[in-house]
Amino acid sequence: MISETMYELGSRRSSIRELFEHGKRAAAEVGAENVYDFSLGNPSTPPPPALTEAAMAILREEEPCAVHGYTSAQGSAEARRAIADDLNARFGAALTADDLYMTCGAAASLCILLRALTVKPKSRFVVQAPYFPEYKVFTESMGGELAVAPADTVSFDLNLPAIEALITPDTQGVLVNSPNNPSGVIYGEDKLKELAALLSKKAAEFAHPIYLISDEPYREITYGKTVPYLPHLYPDTVIAYSYSKSLSLPGERIGYIAVPKSVTDHDKLYAAVCGAGRSLGYVCAPAFMQRLVARCAAMTSDLEAYRHNRDLLYPSLVAMGYECVSPDGAFYLFVKAPNGDAPAFSEAAKALNILAVPGDDFGCPGYLRLSYCVDHAMILRSLPAFRQLRESFS
């Protein structure tokens, strides 16, 4: 017998991956320069040169068996101390190495946290649309259920009345992602404070903590707007982080979970994180990458390249008549389908070799996501096709 649930997940790719694979086939037919692939959030700026130098130094100077051998299950103390020092310096976080758990990126971090917090079948986790589609897969695979609050399509900030309506006695956590994938919006501090007050009220009402799970792979990619450090606003915040975007290391799968001392039942939750990592087979994140992060935790790639791309694509599309959410961070543009039908518009775009992901899987029908972590020259080449596409729906 085979799990039908797992069969369905394995036999049908996400809409993002389907478009990415279509793009590879189209490039083989018409040439890569004629395909405008905005499908995948794959960083286009290289890792910082100092990271490459650090990687080479580790391989040259350190004993190979130590470099490639197992670390402690929760990660090396060296890497966890370096990350704690970086977060403390930047945010006054008051973290120690024993508050951090090294993971294979943000996806593993989220799965571990969801597993650690799923206390019974169908434990509820609340998220607001638009949201990364894999949240639903992660939550349900860990035994919980994902309740989705509709988007505020005026501001794309937090829709607090909709979130409150979904919080029940079975709610274990609320998941936020800011800067947001796919909208690029950074949730406002005032709204986050209101969310914190709401969660405190509900936690008191239900006599158990409601954890705020902050998914932060885009924290460093911002355009003039500050991303609040959420544990300062709500003590029961846990953080899932990945270096995929900030250090341009998506294929290396390295990140962490932060469990600040301020969270309710800190020691028990951290032990549950360790237990969830053990049960899922996630102990000992890639050792070489841990050593690299220990040296490079405070670095970032040249993130200004994404601002350069945003400042070309966003105003160009608006001038053509597209309606777009103004992105404060990340490297995504969320565009309203002129015909109101995102899948149909995505298909029409494919005919012009523009690959844009429909927003239906993000919980926000009628919109499309464009990932602009791409070559700047490709954006320039794509603009006539975008204009032709828009005019075809006039």
Protein backbone atom coordinates (compact mmCIF):
# COMPACT_ATOMS: atom_id res chain seq x y z
CA MET A 1 0.00 0.00 0.00
CA ILE A 2 1.12 3.55 -0.77
CA SER A 3 0.00 6.77 0.90
CA GLU A 4 -2.46 8.47 -1.43
CA THR A 5 -1.69 11.82 0.21
CA MET A 6 2.02 11.49 -0.47
CA TYR A 7 1.31 10.17 -3.98
CA GLU A 8 -0.73 13.28 -4.75
CA LEU A 9 2.02 15.56 -3.45
CA GLY A 10 4.71 13.75 -5.41
CA SER A 11 2.85 13.35 -8.68
CA ARG A 12 1.72 16.97 -8.96
CA ARG A 13 4.24 19.76 -8.67
CA SER A 14 3.40 23.15 -7.18
CA SER A 15 2.31 25.78 -9.71
CA ILE A 16 5.65 27.52 -9.16
CA ARG A 17 7.67 24.42 -10.01
CA GLU A 18 5.43 23.58 -12.96
CA LEU A 19 6.14 26.97 -14.52
CA PHE A 20 9.85 26.67 -13.76
CA GLU A 21 9.98 23.31 -15.57
CA HIS A 22 7.96 24.75 -18.47
CA GLY A 23 10.52 27.54 -18.72
CA LYS A 24 13.37 25.08 -19.06
CA ARG A 25 11.55 23.31 -21.90
CA ALA A 26 10.71 26.60 -23.62
CA ALA A 27 14.33 27.77 -23.35
CA ALA A 28 15.46 24.64 -25.19
CA GLU A 29 13.00 25.42 -27.99
CA VAL A 30 13.23 29.20 -28.47
CA GLY A 31 16.47 30.09 -26.66
CA ALA A 32 16.91 31.11 -23.04
CA GLU A 33 17.20 34.78 -24.01
CA ASN A 34 13.62 34.68 -25.35
CA VAL A 35 12.04 33.25 -22.19
CA TYR A 36 11.08 35.71 -19.45
CA ASP A 37 11.07 33.49 -16.40
CA PHE A 38 9.64 35.19 -13.31
CA SER A 39 8.56 31.91 -11.72
CA LEU A 40 11.05 30.93 -9.04
CA GLY A 41 12.50 32.87 -6.11
CA ASN A 42 16.04 31.83 -7.01
CA PRO A 43 18.51 34.60 -6.05
CA SER A 44 20.27 36.12 -9.06
CA THR A 45 22.98 37.96 -7.14
CA PRO A 46 26.01 35.86 -6.14
CA PRO A 47 27.08 35.15 -2.56
CA PRO A 48 29.41 37.79 -1.10
CA PRO A 49 33.06 37.29 -2.13
CA ALA A 50 34.05 37.05 1.54
CA LEU A 51 31.79 34.00 1.90
CA THR A 52 33.52 32.26 -1.00
CA GLU A 53 36.89 33.09 0.55
CA ALA A 54 35.72 31.75 3.91
CA ALA A 55 34.54 28.52 2.27
CA MET A 56 37.92 28.03 0.62
CA ALA A 57 39.74 28.81 3.87
CA ILE A 58 37.68 26.22 5.75
CA LEU A 59 38.53 23.56 3.18
CA ARG A 60 42.22 24.54 3.12
CA GLU A 61 42.84 25.05 6.81
CA GLU A 62 40.55 22.73 8.75
CA GLU A 63 40.81 18.99 9.19
CA PRO A 64 38.55 17.31 6.57
CA CYS A 65 36.90 14.82 8.91
CA ALA A 66 35.96 17.68 11.24
CA VAL A 67 34.66 19.82 8.36
CA HIS A 68 32.41 17.09 7.00
CA GLY A 69 31.62 15.16 10.17
CA TYR A 70 28.50 15.22 12.31
CA THR A 71 27.77 18.15 14.59
CA SER A 72 25.61 18.03 17.70
CA ALA A 73 22.00 17.19 16.83
CA GLN A 74 20.87 20.80 17.33
CA GLY A 75 23.86 22.18 15.44
CA SER A 76 27.38 23.20 16.28
CA ALA A 77 27.83 25.47 19.27
CA GLU A 78 30.12 27.65 17.14
CA ALA A 79 27.44 28.36 14.53
CA ARG A 80 24.72 28.91 17.13
CA ARG A 81 26.91 31.33 19.11
CA ALA A 82 27.76 33.29 15.95
CA ILE A 83 24.10 33.61 15.01
CA ALA A 84 23.12 34.63 18.53
CA ASP A 85 25.88 37.27 18.55
CA ASP A 86 24.68 38.64 15.19
CA LEU A 87 21.03 38.86 16.26
CA ASN A 88 21.95 40.36 19.62
CA ALA A 89 24.09 43.02 17.96
CA ARG A 90 21.41 43.95 15.41
CA PHE A 91 18.23 43.66 17.47
CA GLY A 92 19.20 43.45 21.15
CA ALA A 93 17.79 39.95 21.04
CA ALA A 94 19.37 38.52 24.23
CA LEU A 95 19.73 35.09 22.61
CA THR A 96 22.23 32.41 23.55
CA ALA A 97 23.46 29.43 21.57
CA ASP A 98 21.04 27.28 23.55
CA ASP A 99 18.07 29.18 22.09
CA LEU A 100 18.98 28.21 18.52
CA TYR A 101 18.50 25.04 16.51
CA MET A 102 20.26 24.68 13.14
CA THR A 103 18.10 23.45 10.26
CA CYS A 104 18.08 22.64 6.56
CA GLY A 105 16.55 26.04 5.76
CA ALA A 106 13.23 27.71 6.50
CA ALA A 107 11.11 24.84 5.17
CA ALA A 108 12.68 22.44 7.66
CA SER A 109 12.39 25.09 10.38
CA LEU A 110 8.67 25.46 9.77
CA CYS A 111 8.04 21.71 9.64
CA ILE A 112 9.90 21.25 12.92
CA LEU A 113 8.03 24.08 14.64
CA LEU A 114 4.65 22.92 13.35
CA ARG A 115 5.39 19.37 14.51
CA ALA A 116 6.54 20.60 17.92
CA LEU A 117 3.34 22.64 18.36
CA THR A 118 0.80 20.16 16.98
CA VAL A 119 -0.51 18.81 20.27
CA LYS A 120 -3.44 16.84 18.84
CA PRO A 121 -4.90 16.03 15.41
CA LYS A 122 -6.08 19.16 13.64
CA SER A 123 -4.32 21.61 15.93
CA ARG A 124 -5.01 24.90 14.20
CA PHE A 125 -2.53 27.34 12.72
CA VAL A 126 -3.76 30.61 11.23
CA VAL A 127 -2.20 32.45 8.32
CA GLN A 128 -3.30 35.38 6.21
CA ALA A 129 -3.47 35.31 2.43
CA PRO A 130 -1.48 35.72 0.34
CA TYR A 131 0.83 33.07 1.78
CA PHE A 132 3.52 30.68 0.53
CA PRO A 133 1.56 27.63 -0.75
CA GLU A 134 3.78 25.07 0.96
CA TYR A 135 2.52 26.28 4.37
CA LYS A 136 -0.58 24.17 3.80
CA VAL A 137 1.50 21.13 2.84
CA PHE A 138 3.79 21.55 5.85
CA THR A 139 0.94 22.08 8.33
CA GLU A 140 -1.19 19.18 7.17
CA SER A 141 1.79 16.83 6.89
CA MET A 142 2.62 17.57 10.52
CA GLY A 143 -0.93 16.71 11.59
CA GLY A 144 -2.36 20.21 11.94
CA GLU A 145 -4.79 22.27 9.91
CA LEU A 146 -4.17 25.62 8.23
CA ALA A 147 -6.92 28.24 8.56
CA VAL A 148 -6.55 31.03 6.00
CA ALA A 149 -7.71 34.59 6.60
CA PRO A 150 -8.56 36.46 3.39
CA ALA A 151 -6.22 39.14 2.12
CA ASP A 152 -6.79 42.83 2.62
CA THR A 153 -6.43 43.60 -1.08
CA VAL A 154 -6.34 47.34 -0.44
CA SER A 155 -3.15 47.46 1.63
CA PHE A 156 -2.10 43.79 1.86
CA ASP A 157 -1.30 44.53 5.51
CA LEU A 158 -2.66 42.33 8.31
CA ASN A 159 -6.41 41.70 8.20
CA LEU A 160 -6.89 41.53 11.95
CA PRO A 161 -10.68 41.02 12.11
CA ALA A 162 -10.37 38.07 9.72
CA ILE A 163 -7.50 36.60 11.73
CA GLU A 164 -9.41 36.98 15.00
CA ALA A 165 -12.42 35.20 13.54
CA LEU A 166 -10.28 32.11 12.87
CA ILE A 167 -8.65 31.85 16.31
CA THR A 168 -10.31 29.06 18.29
CA PRO A 169 -9.39 27.10 21.45
CA ASP A 170 -7.53 24.67 19.14
CA THR A 171 -5.29 27.40 17.75
CA GLN A 172 -1.64 26.76 18.56
CA GLY A 173 -0.06 29.45 16.43
CA VAL A 174 -0.35 32.25 13.92
CA LEU A 175 2.11 32.29 11.04
CA VAL A 176 3.41 35.56 9.60
CA ASN A 177 5.84 36.17 6.75
CA SER A 178 7.20 39.71 6.45
CA PRO A 179 8.53 40.81 4.00
CA ASN A 180 5.82 38.74 2.43
CA ASN A 181 6.04 36.15 -0.29
CA PRO A 182 4.27 36.84 -2.68
CA SER A 183 3.24 40.47 -2.08
CA GLY A 184 6.55 42.03 -1.00
CA VAL A 185 4.65 43.90 1.73
CA ILE A 186 6.23 44.50 5.14
CA TYR A 187 3.60 44.39 7.85
CA GLY A 188 3.34 47.69 9.71
CA GLU A 189 4.53 47.91 13.31
CA ASP A 190 1.20 49.31 14.49
CA LYS A 191 -0.67 46.36 12.96
CA LEU A 192 1.82 43.92 14.49
CA LYS A 193 1.28 45.49 17.92
CA GLU A 194 -2.46 45.05 17.44
CA LEU A 195 -1.86 41.43 16.48
CA ALA A 196 0.25 40.96 19.61
CA ALA A 197 -2.54 42.39 21.76
CA LEU A 198 -5.07 40.15 20.03
CA LEU A 199 -2.98 37.00 20.59
CA SER A 200 -2.39 37.93 24.24
CA LYS A 201 -6.12 38.37 24.73
CA LYS A 202 -6.94 35.04 23.08
CA ALA A 203 -4.19 33.21 24.97
CA ALA A 204 -5.65 34.46 28.25
CA GLU A 205 -9.17 33.54 27.14
CA PHE A 206 -8.17 29.98 26.18
CA ALA A 207 -5.66 29.52 29.03
CA HIS A 208 -2.80 28.41 26.79
CA PRO A 209 -0.13 30.23 24.78
CA ILE A 210 -0.70 31.05 21.14
CA TYR A 211 2.69 31.24 19.47
CA LEU A 212 3.55 33.68 16.72
CA ILE A 213 5.66 31.85 14.12
CA SER A 214 7.69 34.37 12.15
CA ASP A 215 8.96 33.05 8.81
CA GLU A 216 11.85 35.38 7.94
CA PRO A 217 13.84 34.34 4.85
CA TYR A 218 13.48 37.84 3.36
CA ARG A 219 14.21 39.87 6.50
CA GLU A 220 17.27 41.62 5.05
CA ILE A 221 15.75 42.44 1.64
CA THR A 222 14.01 45.74 2.29
CA TYR A 223 13.58 49.06 0.49
CA GLY A 224 13.61 51.73 3.16
CA LYS A 225 11.03 50.21 5.52
CA THR A 226 12.01 48.56 8.80
CA VAL A 227 11.11 44.98 9.67
CA PRO A 228 10.30 44.90 13.41
CA TYR A 229 11.96 42.23 15.54
CA LEU A 230 8.81 40.43 16.58
CA PRO A 231 9.92 38.98 19.95
CA HIS A 232 10.16 42.59 21.17
CA LEU A 233 6.48 43.08 20.30
CA TYR A 234 5.15 39.67 21.33
CA PRO A 235 7.14 37.53 23.77
CA ASP A 236 5.68 34.22 22.50
CA THR A 237 7.35 34.58 19.09
CA VAL A 238 9.52 31.89 17.52
CA ILE A 239 11.52 32.49 14.36
CA ALA A 240 12.16 30.34 11.29
CA TYR A 241 15.05 31.63 9.20
CA SER A 242 16.95 30.69 6.06
CA TYR A 243 20.20 32.03 4.59
CA SER A 244 18.94 31.16 1.09
CA LYS A 245 18.08 34.75 0.20
CA SER A 246 20.34 36.92 2.35
CA LEU A 247 23.50 35.02 1.40
CA SER A 248 22.26 33.69 -1.98
CA LEU A 249 22.58 30.06 -0.90
CA PRO A 250 19.20 28.53 -1.83
CA GLY A 251 20.57 25.16 -2.84
CA GLU A 252 22.63 24.71 0.32
CA ARG A 253 19.59 24.52 2.63
CA ILE A 254 20.87 26.12 5.82
CA GLY A 255 18.90 28.06 8.41
CA TYR A 256 17.82 28.03 12.03
CA ILE A 257 14.99 28.17 14.55
CA ALA A 258 15.21 30.80 17.30
CA VAL A 259 13.31 30.15 20.53
CA PRO A 260 13.82 33.28 22.66
CA LYS A 261 13.89 32.97 26.44
CA SER A 262 10.74 35.12 26.53
CA VAL A 263 8.48 32.38 25.13
CA THR A 264 6.14 30.51 27.46
CA ASP A 265 7.53 27.10 28.40
CA HIS A 266 10.85 27.95 26.76
CA ASP A 267 12.76 24.88 27.90
CA LYS A 268 9.94 22.50 27.04
CA LEU A 269 9.40 24.10 23.62
CA TYR A 270 13.11 23.99 22.78
CA ALA A 271 13.20 20.32 23.78
CA ALA A 272 10.12 19.73 21.61
CA VAL A 273 11.92 21.39 18.70
CA CYS A 274 14.83 19.00 19.25
CA GLY A 275 12.39 16.11 19.44
CA ALA A 276 10.57 17.15 16.28
CA GLY A 277 13.87 17.48 14.44
CA ARG A 278 14.76 13.99 15.63
CA SER A 279 11.42 12.47 14.62
CA LEU A 280 11.60 14.03 11.16
CA GLY A 281 15.21 13.01 10.58
CA TYR A 282 16.43 16.62 10.52
CA VAL A 283 19.17 16.36 13.16
CA CYS A 284 22.58 17.78 12.26
CA ALA A 285 22.06 20.34 9.50
CA PRO A 286 24.78 20.33 6.79
CA ALA A 287 28.02 20.56 8.76
CA PHE A 288 30.11 22.44 6.21
CA MET A 289 27.41 25.10 5.85
CA GLN A 290 27.24 25.44 9.63
CA ARG A 291 30.96 26.16 9.69
CA LEU A 292 30.49 28.70 6.93
CA VAL A 293 27.59 30.43 8.68
CA ALA A 294 29.70 30.61 11.85
CA ARG A 295 32.11 32.84 9.92
CA CYS A 296 29.56 34.71 7.79
CA ALA A 297 26.40 35.14 9.90
CA ALA A 298 26.58 38.95 9.70
CA MET A 299 27.16 39.12 5.93
CA THR A 300 24.70 39.59 3.08
CA SER A 301 24.93 39.46 -0.68
CA ASP A 302 24.59 42.63 -2.77
CA LEU A 303 20.89 43.01 -2.05
CA GLU A 304 20.70 46.39 -3.81
CA ALA A 305 20.47 44.48 -7.09
CA TYR A 306 16.88 43.62 -6.18
CA ARG A 307 16.01 47.27 -5.56
CA HIS A 308 17.45 48.04 -9.00
CA ASN A 309 15.16 45.41 -10.54
CA ARG A 310 12.10 46.53 -8.59
CA ASP A 311 12.67 50.13 -9.63
CA LEU A 312 12.57 49.06 -13.26
CA LEU A 313 9.76 46.48 -13.27
CA TYR A 314 7.22 48.06 -10.91
CA PRO A 315 6.90 51.52 -12.49
CA SER A 316 7.11 50.05 -16.00
CA LEU A 317 4.16 47.75 -15.40
CA VAL A 318 2.13 50.46 -13.67
CA ALA A 319 2.72 52.77 -16.64
CA MET A 320 1.35 50.04 -18.93
CA GLY A 321 -1.86 49.88 -16.92
CA TYR A 322 -1.17 46.93 -14.64
CA GLU A 323 -2.33 47.17 -11.02
CA CYS A 324 0.46 46.05 -8.66
CA VAL A 325 1.05 45.94 -4.94
CA SER A 326 3.94 48.30 -4.11
CA PRO A 327 6.63 46.00 -2.63
CA ASP A 328 8.51 47.13 0.49
CA GLY A 329 10.82 44.13 0.52
CA ALA A 330 11.58 40.61 -0.75
CA PHE A 331 11.83 40.30 -4.55
CA TYR A 332 8.27 39.67 -5.67
CA LEU A 333 5.67 41.75 -7.45
CA PHE A 334 2.01 40.81 -6.96
CA VAL A 335 0.09 41.88 -10.05
CA LYS A 336 -3.68 41.98 -10.51
CA ALA A 337 -4.80 39.99 -13.55
CA PRO A 338 -6.50 42.49 -15.89
CA ASN A 339 -9.16 39.91 -16.78
CA GLY A 340 -9.68 38.83 -13.16
CA ASP A 341 -8.69 35.25 -14.02
CA ALA A 342 -5.09 34.62 -12.96
CA PRO A 343 -4.71 31.08 -14.42
CA ALA A 344 -6.08 32.21 -17.79
CA PHE A 345 -3.87 35.29 -17.76
CA SER A 346 -0.86 33.14 -16.86
CA GLU A 347 -1.61 30.90 -19.86
CA ALA A 348 -1.84 33.94 -22.13
CA ALA A 349 1.48 35.16 -20.73
CA LYS A 350 3.08 31.79 -21.48
CA ALA A 351 2.20 32.26 -25.16
CA LEU A 352 4.55 35.27 -25.06
CA ASN A 353 7.10 33.31 -23.00
CA ILE A 354 6.36 35.30 -19.83
CA LEU A 355 6.22 32.97 -16.83
CA ALA A 356 4.03 34.44 -14.07
CA VAL A 357 2.66 32.32 -11.20
CA PRO A 358 -1.11 32.52 -10.60
CA GLY A 359 -2.02 33.69 -7.12
CA ASP A 360 -4.73 31.08 -6.55
CA ASP A 361 -2.33 28.73 -4.73
CA PHE A 362 -1.26 31.69 -2.57
CA GLY A 363 -4.86 32.02 -1.38
CA CYS A 364 -5.41 35.15 -3.45
CA PRO A 365 -7.24 34.48 -6.75
CA GLY A 366 -7.05 37.15 -9.42
CA TYR A 367 -3.37 38.00 -8.84
CA LEU A 368 -0.06 36.76 -10.23
CA ARG A 369 3.38 36.65 -8.67
CA LEU A 370 6.42 37.87 -10.57
CA SER A 371 9.78 36.98 -9.04
CA TYR A 372 12.23 39.71 -10.01
CA CYS A 373 15.38 38.16 -8.58
CA VAL A 374 16.46 37.82 -12.19
CA ASP A 375 18.98 39.32 -14.56
CA HIS A 376 18.27 43.03 -15.04
CA ALA A 377 18.72 42.70 -18.79
CA MET A 378 15.99 40.04 -18.89
CA ILE A 379 13.53 42.48 -17.34
CA LEU A 380 14.40 45.03 -20.04
CA ARG A 381 13.89 42.42 -22.76
CA SER A 382 10.55 41.37 -21.27
CA LEU A 383 8.90 44.80 -21.22
CA PRO A 384 7.64 44.78 -24.85
CA ALA A 385 6.05 41.38 -24.21
CA PHE A 386 4.38 42.68 -21.05
CA ARG A 387 3.03 45.64 -23.03
CA GLN A 388 1.71 43.36 -25.77
CA LEU A 389 0.10 41.14 -23.15
CA ARG A 390 -1.60 44.07 -21.41
CA GLU A 391 -2.88 45.51 -24.68
CA SER A 392 -4.39 42.14 -25.60
CA PHE A 393 -6.68 42.45 -22.54
CA SER A 394 -7.70 46.07 -23.08
